[in-house]
Amino acid sequence: MEHLQYPYGLVVKLLYGCGLRLFECLQLRVKDFNFDAGILTVHGKGKKDRTISLPQTIVPELMQQIEVIKRLHDNDLEAGYSGVFLDNLLEKKYPFAAKDFIWQWFFPQKSLTSVPDKKEIRRYHLHETHVQGAIYNAVRRAKIAKRVTSHTFRHSFATHLLQANYDIRTIQTLLGHSDVRTTMIYTHCVPSRMVKEIKSPLDF
C-alpha cells in the first residue's frame, strides 16, 4: 500500500478494509457514505445492497476525498457539463440527479467524456484498468514474489476475519455472497488456525 499513489492507495484501502469487489468500489457515489453512522452502502451483484462499517483509520482520508470531489464538482458545473453517467432508468426517474453532488462518483475519472450523439460532456468513474495497473506496479516495487490483483485484498479481508474468529455467516453478509458455500472457500486459507483450535480428546 505504501507504493500506491493517490487515488489508488485509497481504493485499495477500501477493497481490503471493507472486502469490496473492484467494480463495487469504483461505482461508489458520495451518497453511499454515511460518516455520522460510520457505514458504507455497497451496491453489489444482482443489484443487492449491503451495509459495511467504515474503517475508522481511513475516515479522515475519505472525508478529504469528499472535499476533493466538491471542488471538482464546482468546476464541472462552471464548465457547463451534463453531469455524471447514470443508469438510463435512474436518469428518467431523477432527471436532475446527474448534476446533484450526492450522485457524483467517489473516485471520478480525471478527464471528462464527450457524448457526441447527445452533445454532452459527462464524467465517468475511475477505470478498472488504471487501478489494476497501479497495483501491478506497486507489487513490483514492493518486490512481492506472488501474484496480487485487486481481488487479493477482498480475499485477505475474508481470511483475516476468519483468523479473528468471526462467524462465517457474518462474513458471508459482509462479502455479499448469496450462498454461504462460496464464503466457506475461505476456510481453506486458514488451515493452521483451524488445526490449533482442535484439541485431542486426550487433552480434554
N, C-alpha and C. Protein backbone atom coordinates (compact mmCIF):
# COMPACT_ATOMS: atom_id res chain seq x y z
N MET A 1 0.82 -1.21 0.00
CA MET A 1 0.00 0.00 0.00
C MET A 1 0.86 1.26 0.00
N GLU A 2 2.02 1.16 0.62
CA GLU A 2 2.92 2.32 0.67
C GLU A 2 3.41 2.73 -0.71
N HIS A 3 3.36 1.83 -1.66
CA HIS A 3 3.84 2.10 -3.01
C HIS A 3 2.72 2.56 -3.95
N LEU A 4 1.53 2.75 -3.43
CA LEU A 4 0.40 3.19 -4.25
C LEU A 4 0.18 4.69 -4.08
N GLN A 5 0.12 5.40 -5.18
CA GLN A 5 -0.11 6.83 -5.14
C GLN A 5 -1.61 7.13 -5.16
N TYR A 6 -1.97 8.36 -4.84
CA TYR A 6 -3.36 8.80 -4.87
C TYR A 6 -3.88 8.73 -6.31
N PRO A 7 -5.14 8.28 -6.50
CA PRO A 7 -6.12 7.84 -5.51
C PRO A 7 -6.11 6.34 -5.28
N TYR A 8 -5.14 5.65 -5.91
CA TYR A 8 -5.17 4.18 -5.89
C TYR A 8 -4.95 3.61 -4.49
N GLY A 9 -4.19 4.31 -3.67
CA GLY A 9 -3.99 3.83 -2.31
C GLY A 9 -5.29 3.78 -1.53
N LEU A 10 -6.12 4.80 -1.71
CA LEU A 10 -7.41 4.84 -1.01
C LEU A 10 -8.36 3.78 -1.56
N VAL A 11 -8.30 3.54 -2.86
CA VAL A 11 -9.12 2.48 -3.46
C VAL A 11 -8.79 1.14 -2.81
N VAL A 12 -7.51 0.83 -2.71
CA VAL A 12 -7.07 -0.44 -2.15
C VAL A 12 -7.43 -0.56 -0.67
N LYS A 13 -7.35 0.55 0.05
CA LYS A 13 -7.73 0.52 1.47
C LYS A 13 -9.20 0.17 1.64
N LEU A 14 -10.04 0.60 0.71
CA LEU A 14 -11.46 0.24 0.77
C LEU A 14 -11.68 -1.21 0.34
N LEU A 15 -10.91 -1.66 -0.64
CA LEU A 15 -11.01 -3.07 -1.06
C LEU A 15 -10.68 -3.99 0.10
N TYR A 16 -9.60 -3.68 0.79
CA TYR A 16 -9.13 -4.52 1.89
C TYR A 16 -9.92 -4.26 3.18
N GLY A 17 -10.19 -3.00 3.47
CA GLY A 17 -10.87 -2.65 4.72
C GLY A 17 -12.34 -2.98 4.76
N CYS A 18 -12.96 -3.11 3.56
CA CYS A 18 -14.40 -3.39 3.51
C CYS A 18 -14.73 -4.66 2.73
N GLY A 19 -13.72 -5.28 2.14
CA GLY A 19 -13.95 -6.53 1.39
C GLY A 19 -14.72 -6.32 0.11
N LEU A 20 -14.50 -5.18 -0.55
CA LEU A 20 -15.26 -4.86 -1.76
C LEU A 20 -14.70 -5.53 -3.01
N ARG A 21 -15.58 -5.80 -3.95
CA ARG A 21 -15.16 -6.13 -5.31
C ARG A 21 -14.71 -4.83 -5.95
N LEU A 22 -13.84 -4.92 -6.97
CA LEU A 22 -13.32 -3.71 -7.58
C LEU A 22 -14.43 -2.86 -8.19
N PHE A 23 -15.36 -3.48 -8.90
CA PHE A 23 -16.43 -2.70 -9.53
C PHE A 23 -17.31 -2.03 -8.48
N GLU A 24 -17.50 -2.69 -7.32
CA GLU A 24 -18.30 -2.10 -6.25
C GLU A 24 -17.63 -0.84 -5.72
N CYS A 25 -16.32 -0.89 -5.60
CA CYS A 25 -15.56 0.24 -5.07
C CYS A 25 -15.58 1.42 -6.04
N LEU A 26 -15.32 1.15 -7.31
CA LEU A 26 -15.23 2.22 -8.29
C LEU A 26 -16.59 2.84 -8.60
N GLN A 27 -17.67 2.12 -8.34
CA GLN A 27 -19.00 2.66 -8.61
C GLN A 27 -19.64 3.32 -7.38
N LEU A 28 -18.85 3.51 -6.34
CA LEU A 28 -19.36 4.21 -5.16
C LEU A 28 -19.63 5.67 -5.50
N ARG A 29 -20.69 6.20 -4.90
CA ARG A 29 -21.04 7.61 -5.08
C ARG A 29 -21.01 8.30 -3.71
N VAL A 30 -21.01 9.60 -3.72
CA VAL A 30 -20.93 10.38 -2.48
C VAL A 30 -22.02 9.95 -1.51
N LYS A 31 -23.22 9.72 -2.00
CA LYS A 31 -24.37 9.40 -1.15
C LYS A 31 -24.22 8.07 -0.41
N ASP A 32 -23.30 7.22 -0.86
CA ASP A 32 -23.14 5.90 -0.24
C ASP A 32 -22.40 5.95 1.09
N PHE A 33 -21.78 7.09 1.39
CA PHE A 33 -21.02 7.24 2.63
C PHE A 33 -21.84 7.96 3.69
N ASN A 34 -22.00 7.30 4.84
CA ASN A 34 -22.70 7.91 5.98
C ASN A 34 -21.69 8.00 7.12
N PHE A 35 -21.03 9.16 7.20
CA PHE A 35 -19.98 9.32 8.20
C PHE A 35 -20.54 9.44 9.61
N ASP A 36 -21.75 9.95 9.76
CA ASP A 36 -22.37 10.06 11.09
C ASP A 36 -22.62 8.68 11.69
N ALA A 37 -23.10 7.76 10.85
CA ALA A 37 -23.37 6.40 11.33
C ALA A 37 -22.16 5.50 11.19
N GLY A 38 -21.15 5.96 10.42
CA GLY A 38 -19.95 5.16 10.23
C GLY A 38 -20.15 3.95 9.35
N ILE A 39 -21.06 4.08 8.36
CA ILE A 39 -21.34 2.94 7.49
C ILE A 39 -21.25 3.31 6.02
N LEU A 40 -21.04 2.30 5.21
CA LEU A 40 -20.95 2.44 3.76
C LEU A 40 -21.99 1.53 3.13
N THR A 41 -22.77 2.06 2.19
CA THR A 41 -23.75 1.26 1.46
C THR A 41 -23.12 0.83 0.16
N VAL A 42 -23.10 -0.48 -0.06
CA VAL A 42 -22.46 -1.05 -1.25
C VAL A 42 -23.53 -1.65 -2.15
N HIS A 43 -23.43 -1.34 -3.44
CA HIS A 43 -24.37 -1.88 -4.43
C HIS A 43 -23.67 -3.03 -5.15
N GLY A 44 -24.02 -4.24 -4.75
CA GLY A 44 -23.31 -5.42 -5.22
C GLY A 44 -23.93 -6.11 -6.42
N LYS A 45 -23.54 -7.36 -6.61
CA LYS A 45 -24.04 -8.15 -7.73
C LYS A 45 -25.55 -8.34 -7.62
N GLY A 46 -26.21 -8.40 -8.77
CA GLY A 46 -27.65 -8.61 -8.76
C GLY A 46 -28.42 -7.47 -8.15
N LYS A 47 -27.80 -6.28 -8.14
CA LYS A 47 -28.43 -5.08 -7.57
C LYS A 47 -28.83 -5.28 -6.11
N LYS A 48 -28.02 -6.07 -5.38
CA LYS A 48 -28.27 -6.30 -3.97
C LYS A 48 -27.40 -5.36 -3.15
N ASP A 49 -28.04 -4.58 -2.29
CA ASP A 49 -27.31 -3.63 -1.44
C ASP A 49 -26.95 -4.27 -0.10
N ARG A 50 -25.83 -3.83 0.45
CA ARG A 50 -25.45 -4.25 1.79
C ARG A 50 -24.72 -3.10 2.47
N THR A 51 -24.70 -3.10 3.79
CA THR A 51 -24.01 -2.04 4.53
C THR A 51 -22.81 -2.63 5.26
N ILE A 52 -21.74 -1.86 5.29
CA ILE A 52 -20.48 -2.28 5.91
C ILE A 52 -19.96 -1.13 6.77
N SER A 53 -19.35 -1.46 7.89
CA SER A 53 -18.77 -0.44 8.75
C SER A 53 -17.57 0.19 8.06
N LEU A 54 -17.47 1.51 8.14
CA LEU A 54 -16.33 2.21 7.58
C LEU A 54 -15.10 2.00 8.48
N PRO A 55 -13.95 1.67 7.91
CA PRO A 55 -12.73 1.56 8.73
C PRO A 55 -12.40 2.93 9.32
N GLN A 56 -12.37 3.03 10.62
CA GLN A 56 -12.17 4.33 11.28
C GLN A 56 -10.81 4.94 10.97
N THR A 57 -9.83 4.10 10.70
CA THR A 57 -8.47 4.60 10.45
C THR A 57 -8.37 5.42 9.16
N ILE A 58 -9.30 5.20 8.22
CA ILE A 58 -9.20 5.93 6.96
C ILE A 58 -10.32 6.97 6.80
N VAL A 59 -11.13 7.18 7.84
CA VAL A 59 -12.19 8.18 7.75
C VAL A 59 -11.65 9.57 7.38
N PRO A 60 -10.54 10.03 7.98
CA PRO A 60 -10.00 11.34 7.57
C PRO A 60 -9.67 11.40 6.08
N GLU A 61 -9.11 10.32 5.53
CA GLU A 61 -8.80 10.28 4.10
C GLU A 61 -10.06 10.31 3.26
N LEU A 62 -11.09 9.59 3.72
CA LEU A 62 -12.36 9.55 3.00
C LEU A 62 -13.03 10.92 2.98
N MET A 63 -12.98 11.61 4.11
CA MET A 63 -13.58 12.94 4.20
C MET A 63 -12.78 13.95 3.36
N GLN A 64 -11.49 13.77 3.30
CA GLN A 64 -10.66 14.62 2.45
C GLN A 64 -11.02 14.40 0.99
N GLN A 65 -11.32 13.15 0.63
CA GLN A 65 -11.72 12.85 -0.74
C GLN A 65 -13.05 13.53 -1.09
N ILE A 66 -13.95 13.63 -0.11
CA ILE A 66 -15.21 14.33 -0.31
C ILE A 66 -14.95 15.79 -0.69
N GLU A 67 -13.98 16.41 -0.02
CA GLU A 67 -13.64 17.80 -0.32
C GLU A 67 -13.06 17.93 -1.73
N VAL A 68 -12.27 16.96 -2.14
CA VAL A 68 -11.71 16.95 -3.50
C VAL A 68 -12.85 16.88 -4.52
N ILE A 69 -13.82 16.03 -4.24
CA ILE A 69 -14.97 15.87 -5.15
C ILE A 69 -15.79 17.15 -5.21
N LYS A 70 -15.94 17.82 -4.08
CA LYS A 70 -16.70 19.08 -4.06
C LYS A 70 -16.07 20.11 -4.98
N ARG A 71 -14.75 20.26 -4.89
CA ARG A 71 -14.06 21.23 -5.74
C ARG A 71 -14.18 20.86 -7.22
N LEU A 72 -14.03 19.58 -7.50
CA LEU A 72 -14.14 19.11 -8.87
C LEU A 72 -15.55 19.32 -9.41
N HIS A 73 -16.53 19.04 -8.57
CA HIS A 73 -17.94 19.20 -8.96
C HIS A 73 -18.26 20.66 -9.27
N ASP A 74 -17.77 21.57 -8.44
CA ASP A 74 -17.99 23.01 -8.67
C ASP A 74 -17.37 23.44 -10.00
N ASN A 75 -16.17 22.95 -10.27
CA ASN A 75 -15.50 23.29 -11.53
C ASN A 75 -16.25 22.73 -12.73
N ASP A 76 -16.77 21.51 -12.56
CA ASP A 76 -17.53 20.88 -13.65
C ASP A 76 -18.80 21.66 -13.96
N LEU A 77 -19.49 22.10 -12.91
CA LEU A 77 -20.73 22.86 -13.11
C LEU A 77 -20.44 24.19 -13.82
N GLU A 78 -19.35 24.81 -13.44
CA GLU A 78 -18.96 26.07 -14.08
C GLU A 78 -18.61 25.85 -15.55
N ALA A 79 -18.09 24.68 -15.85
CA ALA A 79 -17.71 24.36 -17.23
C ALA A 79 -18.91 23.95 -18.07
N GLY A 80 -20.07 23.84 -17.42
CA GLY A 80 -21.30 23.51 -18.13
C GLY A 80 -21.45 22.06 -18.50
N TYR A 81 -20.90 21.18 -17.65
CA TYR A 81 -21.00 19.76 -18.00
C TYR A 81 -22.39 19.22 -17.69
N SER A 82 -22.70 18.05 -18.25
CA SER A 82 -24.05 17.50 -18.16
C SER A 82 -24.25 16.55 -16.98
N GLY A 83 -23.20 16.36 -16.18
CA GLY A 83 -23.32 15.51 -15.00
C GLY A 83 -22.57 14.20 -15.15
N VAL A 84 -22.71 13.36 -14.14
CA VAL A 84 -22.07 12.04 -14.18
C VAL A 84 -22.95 11.08 -14.98
N PHE A 85 -22.36 9.96 -15.36
CA PHE A 85 -23.15 8.93 -16.05
C PHE A 85 -24.04 8.22 -15.05
N LEU A 86 -25.30 8.04 -15.44
CA LEU A 86 -26.27 7.34 -14.61
C LEU A 86 -26.96 6.26 -15.44
N ASP A 87 -27.54 5.29 -14.76
CA ASP A 87 -28.38 4.30 -15.44
C ASP A 87 -29.54 5.03 -16.11
N ASN A 88 -29.90 4.63 -17.33
CA ASN A 88 -30.95 5.31 -18.08
C ASN A 88 -32.27 5.41 -17.33
N LEU A 89 -32.67 4.31 -16.67
CA LEU A 89 -33.92 4.32 -15.92
C LEU A 89 -33.85 5.28 -14.74
N LEU A 90 -32.68 5.32 -14.11
CA LEU A 90 -32.49 6.21 -12.96
C LEU A 90 -32.54 7.67 -13.40
N GLU A 91 -31.95 7.94 -14.55
CA GLU A 91 -31.93 9.32 -15.03
C GLU A 91 -33.33 9.79 -15.43
N LYS A 92 -34.14 8.87 -15.92
CA LYS A 92 -35.52 9.23 -16.26
C LYS A 92 -36.33 9.52 -15.00
N LYS A 93 -36.05 8.75 -13.95
CA LYS A 93 -36.77 8.93 -12.70
C LYS A 93 -36.32 10.19 -11.97
N TYR A 94 -35.01 10.45 -12.00
CA TYR A 94 -34.45 11.64 -11.33
C TYR A 94 -33.66 12.46 -12.36
N PRO A 95 -34.34 13.25 -13.15
CA PRO A 95 -33.70 13.99 -14.25
C PRO A 95 -32.59 14.95 -13.83
N PHE A 96 -32.57 15.39 -12.58
CA PHE A 96 -31.55 16.34 -12.13
C PHE A 96 -30.43 15.67 -11.32
N ALA A 97 -30.53 14.36 -11.14
CA ALA A 97 -29.58 13.64 -10.29
C ALA A 97 -28.15 13.70 -10.82
N ALA A 98 -27.97 13.69 -12.13
CA ALA A 98 -26.63 13.64 -12.72
C ALA A 98 -25.75 14.81 -12.28
N LYS A 99 -26.38 15.96 -12.01
CA LYS A 99 -25.62 17.14 -11.58
C LYS A 99 -25.65 17.32 -10.06
N ASP A 100 -26.42 16.50 -9.38
CA ASP A 100 -26.54 16.61 -7.92
C ASP A 100 -25.26 16.09 -7.27
N PHE A 101 -24.76 16.80 -6.28
CA PHE A 101 -23.49 16.44 -5.64
C PHE A 101 -23.50 15.02 -5.07
N ILE A 102 -24.61 14.62 -4.46
CA ILE A 102 -24.64 13.31 -3.80
C ILE A 102 -24.51 12.14 -4.78
N TRP A 103 -24.78 12.40 -6.06
CA TRP A 103 -24.68 11.34 -7.06
C TRP A 103 -23.32 11.30 -7.76
N GLN A 104 -22.40 12.18 -7.37
CA GLN A 104 -21.09 12.20 -8.01
C GLN A 104 -20.28 10.98 -7.59
N TRP A 105 -19.42 10.52 -8.52
CA TRP A 105 -18.57 9.37 -8.24
C TRP A 105 -17.60 9.69 -7.10
N PHE A 106 -17.35 8.72 -6.23
CA PHE A 106 -16.39 8.92 -5.16
C PHE A 106 -14.96 8.87 -5.71
N PHE A 107 -14.78 8.09 -6.78
CA PHE A 107 -13.48 8.04 -7.45
C PHE A 107 -13.67 8.45 -8.92
N PRO A 108 -13.76 9.75 -9.17
CA PRO A 108 -14.03 10.22 -10.53
C PRO A 108 -12.84 10.07 -11.47
N GLN A 109 -13.15 9.83 -12.73
CA GLN A 109 -12.12 9.82 -13.76
C GLN A 109 -11.53 11.22 -13.88
N LYS A 110 -10.25 11.31 -14.20
CA LYS A 110 -9.59 12.61 -14.26
C LYS A 110 -10.17 13.51 -15.36
N SER A 111 -10.47 12.91 -16.50
CA SER A 111 -10.94 13.69 -17.64
C SER A 111 -12.44 13.51 -17.86
N LEU A 112 -13.04 14.51 -18.50
CA LEU A 112 -14.46 14.44 -18.87
C LEU A 112 -14.60 13.65 -20.16
N THR A 113 -15.75 13.02 -20.33
CA THR A 113 -16.02 12.21 -21.51
C THR A 113 -17.07 12.89 -22.38
N SER A 114 -16.78 12.99 -23.66
CA SER A 114 -17.71 13.61 -24.60
C SER A 114 -18.71 12.57 -25.11
N VAL A 115 -19.98 12.95 -25.17
CA VAL A 115 -21.03 12.09 -25.72
C VAL A 115 -21.55 12.79 -26.98
N PRO A 116 -20.92 12.54 -28.13
CA PRO A 116 -21.21 13.28 -29.36
C PRO A 116 -22.67 13.25 -29.81
N ASP A 117 -23.31 12.07 -29.74
CA ASP A 117 -24.68 11.97 -30.23
C ASP A 117 -25.66 12.81 -29.42
N LYS A 118 -25.30 13.07 -28.16
CA LYS A 118 -26.17 13.89 -27.30
C LYS A 118 -25.60 15.29 -27.08
N LYS A 119 -24.41 15.51 -27.63
CA LYS A 119 -23.72 16.79 -27.45
C LYS A 119 -23.58 17.14 -25.96
N GLU A 120 -23.13 16.14 -25.22
CA GLU A 120 -22.96 16.29 -23.77
C GLU A 120 -21.51 16.01 -23.37
N ILE A 121 -21.13 16.57 -22.22
CA ILE A 121 -19.84 16.26 -21.59
C ILE A 121 -20.14 15.74 -20.20
N ARG A 122 -19.74 14.52 -19.94
CA ARG A 122 -20.03 13.88 -18.66
C ARG A 122 -18.76 13.32 -18.03
N ARG A 123 -18.90 12.92 -16.76
CA ARG A 123 -17.74 12.36 -16.07
C ARG A 123 -18.02 10.91 -15.68
N TYR A 124 -17.06 10.07 -15.93
CA TYR A 124 -17.16 8.65 -15.59
C TYR A 124 -16.31 8.38 -14.35
N HIS A 125 -16.48 7.22 -13.75
CA HIS A 125 -15.64 6.88 -12.59
C HIS A 125 -14.28 6.35 -13.06
N LEU A 126 -13.35 6.26 -12.12
CA LEU A 126 -12.01 5.74 -12.37
C LEU A 126 -12.10 4.38 -13.06
N HIS A 127 -11.28 4.18 -14.07
CA HIS A 127 -11.36 2.93 -14.83
C HIS A 127 -10.63 1.79 -14.12
N GLU A 128 -11.20 0.59 -14.25
CA GLU A 128 -10.63 -0.59 -13.58
C GLU A 128 -9.18 -0.85 -13.98
N THR A 129 -8.88 -0.68 -15.26
CA THR A 129 -7.52 -0.99 -15.73
C THR A 129 -6.48 -0.08 -15.11
N HIS A 130 -6.87 1.16 -14.78
CA HIS A 130 -5.93 2.09 -14.14
C HIS A 130 -5.57 1.59 -12.73
N VAL A 131 -6.56 1.09 -12.02
CA VAL A 131 -6.32 0.55 -10.67
C VAL A 131 -5.48 -0.71 -10.75
N GLN A 132 -5.84 -1.60 -11.67
CA GLN A 132 -5.10 -2.85 -11.82
C GLN A 132 -3.64 -2.60 -12.18
N GLY A 133 -3.41 -1.61 -13.05
CA GLY A 133 -2.04 -1.26 -13.43
C GLY A 133 -1.25 -0.69 -12.26
N ALA A 134 -1.91 0.14 -11.46
CA ALA A 134 -1.26 0.74 -10.29
C ALA A 134 -0.88 -0.33 -9.27
N ILE A 135 -1.76 -1.31 -9.07
CA ILE A 135 -1.48 -2.41 -8.14
C ILE A 135 -0.31 -3.24 -8.65
N TYR A 136 -0.32 -3.54 -9.93
CA TYR A 136 0.76 -4.33 -10.53
C TYR A 136 2.12 -3.66 -10.32
N ASN A 137 2.17 -2.37 -10.58
CA ASN A 137 3.43 -1.63 -10.42
C ASN A 137 3.86 -1.55 -8.96
N ALA A 138 2.88 -1.38 -8.05
CA ALA A 138 3.19 -1.29 -6.62
C ALA A 138 3.74 -2.62 -6.10
N VAL A 139 3.18 -3.72 -6.58
CA VAL A 139 3.64 -5.05 -6.16
C VAL A 139 5.08 -5.27 -6.62
N ARG A 140 5.38 -4.82 -7.81
CA ARG A 140 6.76 -4.96 -8.33
C ARG A 140 7.73 -4.12 -7.50
N ARG A 141 7.32 -2.89 -7.16
CA ARG A 141 8.20 -2.02 -6.36
C ARG A 141 8.40 -2.58 -4.96
N ALA A 142 7.36 -3.24 -4.44
CA ALA A 142 7.46 -3.83 -3.10
C ALA A 142 8.21 -5.16 -3.11
N LYS A 143 8.50 -5.66 -4.33
CA LYS A 143 9.25 -6.92 -4.52
C LYS A 143 8.54 -8.10 -3.86
N ILE A 144 7.22 -8.13 -4.02
CA ILE A 144 6.43 -9.26 -3.52
C ILE A 144 6.41 -10.34 -4.60
N ALA A 145 6.90 -11.51 -4.28
CA ALA A 145 7.03 -12.59 -5.26
C ALA A 145 5.78 -13.45 -5.34
N LYS A 146 4.64 -12.80 -5.43
CA LYS A 146 3.37 -13.51 -5.57
C LYS A 146 2.48 -12.73 -6.52
N ARG A 147 1.48 -13.41 -7.08
CA ARG A 147 0.53 -12.73 -7.95
C ARG A 147 -0.49 -11.99 -7.08
N VAL A 148 -0.58 -10.70 -7.27
CA VAL A 148 -1.51 -9.88 -6.49
C VAL A 148 -2.41 -9.11 -7.44
N THR A 149 -3.72 -9.22 -7.24
CA THR A 149 -4.70 -8.47 -8.03
C THR A 149 -5.60 -7.69 -7.09
N SER A 150 -6.52 -6.95 -7.63
CA SER A 150 -7.46 -6.20 -6.80
C SER A 150 -8.29 -7.14 -5.93
N HIS A 151 -8.55 -8.35 -6.44
CA HIS A 151 -9.37 -9.31 -5.69
C HIS A 151 -8.62 -9.92 -4.51
N THR A 152 -7.30 -9.84 -4.55
CA THR A 152 -6.49 -10.36 -3.45
C THR A 152 -6.86 -9.68 -2.13
N PHE A 153 -7.18 -8.39 -2.20
CA PHE A 153 -7.49 -7.65 -0.97
C PHE A 153 -8.84 -8.06 -0.40
N ARG A 154 -9.77 -8.41 -1.26
CA ARG A 154 -11.07 -8.94 -0.80
C ARG A 154 -10.87 -10.30 -0.14
N HIS A 155 -10.02 -11.13 -0.75
CA HIS A 155 -9.70 -12.43 -0.14
C HIS A 155 -9.05 -12.24 1.22
N SER A 156 -8.14 -11.28 1.32
CA SER A 156 -7.44 -11.03 2.58
C SER A 156 -8.40 -10.55 3.66
N PHE A 157 -9.36 -9.72 3.26
CA PHE A 157 -10.40 -9.25 4.18
C PHE A 157 -11.11 -10.44 4.82
N ALA A 158 -11.56 -11.37 3.99
CA ALA A 158 -12.29 -12.54 4.48
C ALA A 158 -11.40 -13.44 5.33
N THR A 159 -10.18 -13.67 4.87
CA THR A 159 -9.27 -14.55 5.58
C THR A 159 -8.93 -14.01 6.97
N HIS A 160 -8.67 -12.71 7.05
CA HIS A 160 -8.31 -12.12 8.33
C HIS A 160 -9.49 -12.09 9.30
N LEU A 161 -10.70 -11.96 8.79
CA LEU A 161 -11.87 -12.04 9.67
C LEU A 161 -12.04 -13.46 10.21
N LEU A 162 -11.76 -14.45 9.38
CA LEU A 162 -11.81 -15.84 9.84
C LEU A 162 -10.77 -16.10 10.92
N GLN A 163 -9.57 -15.56 10.70
CA GLN A 163 -8.50 -15.72 11.69
C GLN A 163 -8.85 -15.04 13.01
N ALA A 164 -9.69 -14.02 12.93
CA ALA A 164 -10.12 -13.31 14.14
C ALA A 164 -11.37 -13.94 14.74
N ASN A 165 -11.74 -15.13 14.22
CA ASN A 165 -12.87 -15.92 14.74
C ASN A 165 -14.24 -15.28 14.52
N TYR A 166 -14.38 -14.53 13.43
CA TYR A 166 -15.71 -14.02 13.08
C TYR A 166 -16.56 -15.16 12.55
N ASP A 167 -17.85 -15.10 12.79
CA ASP A 167 -18.79 -16.12 12.33
C ASP A 167 -18.85 -16.13 10.80
N ILE A 168 -18.93 -17.33 10.23
CA ILE A 168 -18.93 -17.47 8.77
C ILE A 168 -20.13 -16.77 8.14
N ARG A 169 -21.26 -16.78 8.83
CA ARG A 169 -22.47 -16.11 8.30
C ARG A 169 -22.29 -14.60 8.28
N THR A 170 -21.60 -14.07 9.26
CA THR A 170 -21.31 -12.63 9.31
C THR A 170 -20.43 -12.24 8.13
N ILE A 171 -19.42 -13.06 7.87
CA ILE A 171 -18.51 -12.79 6.76
C ILE A 171 -19.26 -12.90 5.43
N GLN A 172 -20.17 -13.87 5.33
CA GLN A 172 -20.98 -14.02 4.13
C GLN A 172 -21.77 -12.74 3.84
N THR A 173 -22.36 -12.17 4.88
CA THR A 173 -23.14 -10.94 4.73
C THR A 173 -22.26 -9.77 4.31
N LEU A 174 -21.09 -9.66 4.94
CA LEU A 174 -20.19 -8.55 4.63
C LEU A 174 -19.67 -8.62 3.20
N LEU A 175 -19.46 -9.84 2.71
CA LEU A 175 -18.94 -10.02 1.35
C LEU A 175 -20.03 -9.93 0.29
N GLY A 176 -21.29 -10.07 0.72
CA GLY A 176 -22.39 -10.02 -0.23
C GLY A 176 -22.57 -11.31 -1.00
N HIS A 177 -22.17 -12.44 -0.40
CA HIS A 177 -22.35 -13.74 -1.04
C HIS A 177 -23.79 -14.21 -0.84
N SER A 178 -24.42 -14.70 -1.90
CA SER A 178 -25.79 -15.20 -1.77
C SER A 178 -25.81 -16.61 -1.19
N ASP A 179 -24.71 -17.33 -1.35
CA ASP A 179 -24.61 -18.71 -0.87
C ASP A 179 -23.43 -18.83 0.08
N VAL A 180 -23.67 -19.37 1.26
CA VAL A 180 -22.60 -19.50 2.26
C VAL A 180 -21.49 -20.43 1.80
N ARG A 181 -21.80 -21.32 0.85
CA ARG A 181 -20.77 -22.24 0.34
C ARG A 181 -19.65 -21.47 -0.37
N THR A 182 -19.99 -20.34 -0.96
CA THR A 182 -18.97 -19.50 -1.60
C THR A 182 -18.03 -18.94 -0.54
N THR A 183 -18.59 -18.54 0.59
CA THR A 183 -17.79 -17.99 1.69
C THR A 183 -16.94 -19.07 2.33
N MET A 184 -17.44 -20.30 2.37
CA MET A 184 -16.73 -21.41 3.01
C MET A 184 -15.39 -21.70 2.33
N ILE A 185 -15.25 -21.27 1.08
CA ILE A 185 -13.98 -21.48 0.37
C ILE A 185 -12.82 -20.87 1.14
N TYR A 186 -13.10 -19.74 1.82
CA TYR A 186 -12.04 -19.03 2.53
C TYR A 186 -11.52 -19.81 3.75
N THR A 187 -12.29 -20.77 4.23
CA THR A 187 -11.84 -21.54 5.39
C THR A 187 -10.59 -22.37 5.05
N HIS A 188 -10.39 -22.64 3.76
CA HIS A 188 -9.20 -23.40 3.35
C HIS A 188 -7.94 -22.54 3.40
N CYS A 189 -8.13 -21.23 3.56
CA CYS A 189 -6.98 -20.32 3.59
C CYS A 189 -6.35 -20.23 4.98
N VAL A 190 -7.04 -20.77 5.98
CA VAL A 190 -6.52 -20.64 7.35
C VAL A 190 -6.43 -22.01 8.03
N PRO A 191 -5.79 -23.00 7.40
CA PRO A 191 -5.73 -24.34 8.00
C PRO A 191 -4.97 -24.39 9.31
N SER A 192 -3.90 -23.60 9.43
CA SER A 192 -3.10 -23.65 10.66
C SER A 192 -3.91 -23.19 11.85
N ARG A 193 -4.71 -22.18 11.65
CA ARG A 193 -5.54 -21.66 12.73
C ARG A 193 -6.58 -22.69 13.14
N MET A 194 -7.20 -23.31 12.12
CA MET A 194 -8.25 -24.29 12.40
C MET A 194 -7.68 -25.49 13.16
N VAL A 195 -6.47 -25.93 12.77
CA VAL A 195 -5.85 -27.09 13.42
C VAL A 195 -5.53 -26.77 14.87
N LYS A 196 -5.03 -25.58 15.15
CA LYS A 196 -4.66 -25.21 16.51
C LYS A 196 -5.87 -25.19 17.44
N GLU A 197 -7.04 -24.89 16.88
CA GLU A 197 -8.23 -24.78 17.72
C GLU A 197 -8.83 -26.14 18.07
N ILE A 198 -8.42 -27.19 17.32
CA ILE A 198 -8.95 -28.52 17.58
C ILE A 198 -8.04 -29.25 18.57
N LYS A 199 -8.64 -29.72 19.66
CA LYS A 199 -7.87 -30.43 20.68
C LYS A 199 -8.13 -31.94 20.61
N SER A 200 -7.14 -32.68 20.96
CA SER A 200 -7.32 -34.13 21.07
C SER A 200 -8.14 -34.43 22.30
N PRO A 201 -8.98 -35.49 22.26
CA PRO A 201 -9.74 -35.88 23.46
C PRO A 201 -8.85 -36.19 24.65
N LEU A 202 -7.61 -36.58 24.39
CA LEU A 202 -6.67 -36.86 25.48
C LEU A 202 -6.33 -35.59 26.26
N ASP A 203 -6.53 -34.42 25.59
CA ASP A 203 -6.17 -33.17 26.23
C ASP A 203 -7.36 -32.47 26.89
N PHE A 204 -8.51 -33.12 26.85
CA PHE A 204 -9.71 -32.52 27.47
C PHE A 204 -9.54 -32.49 28.99
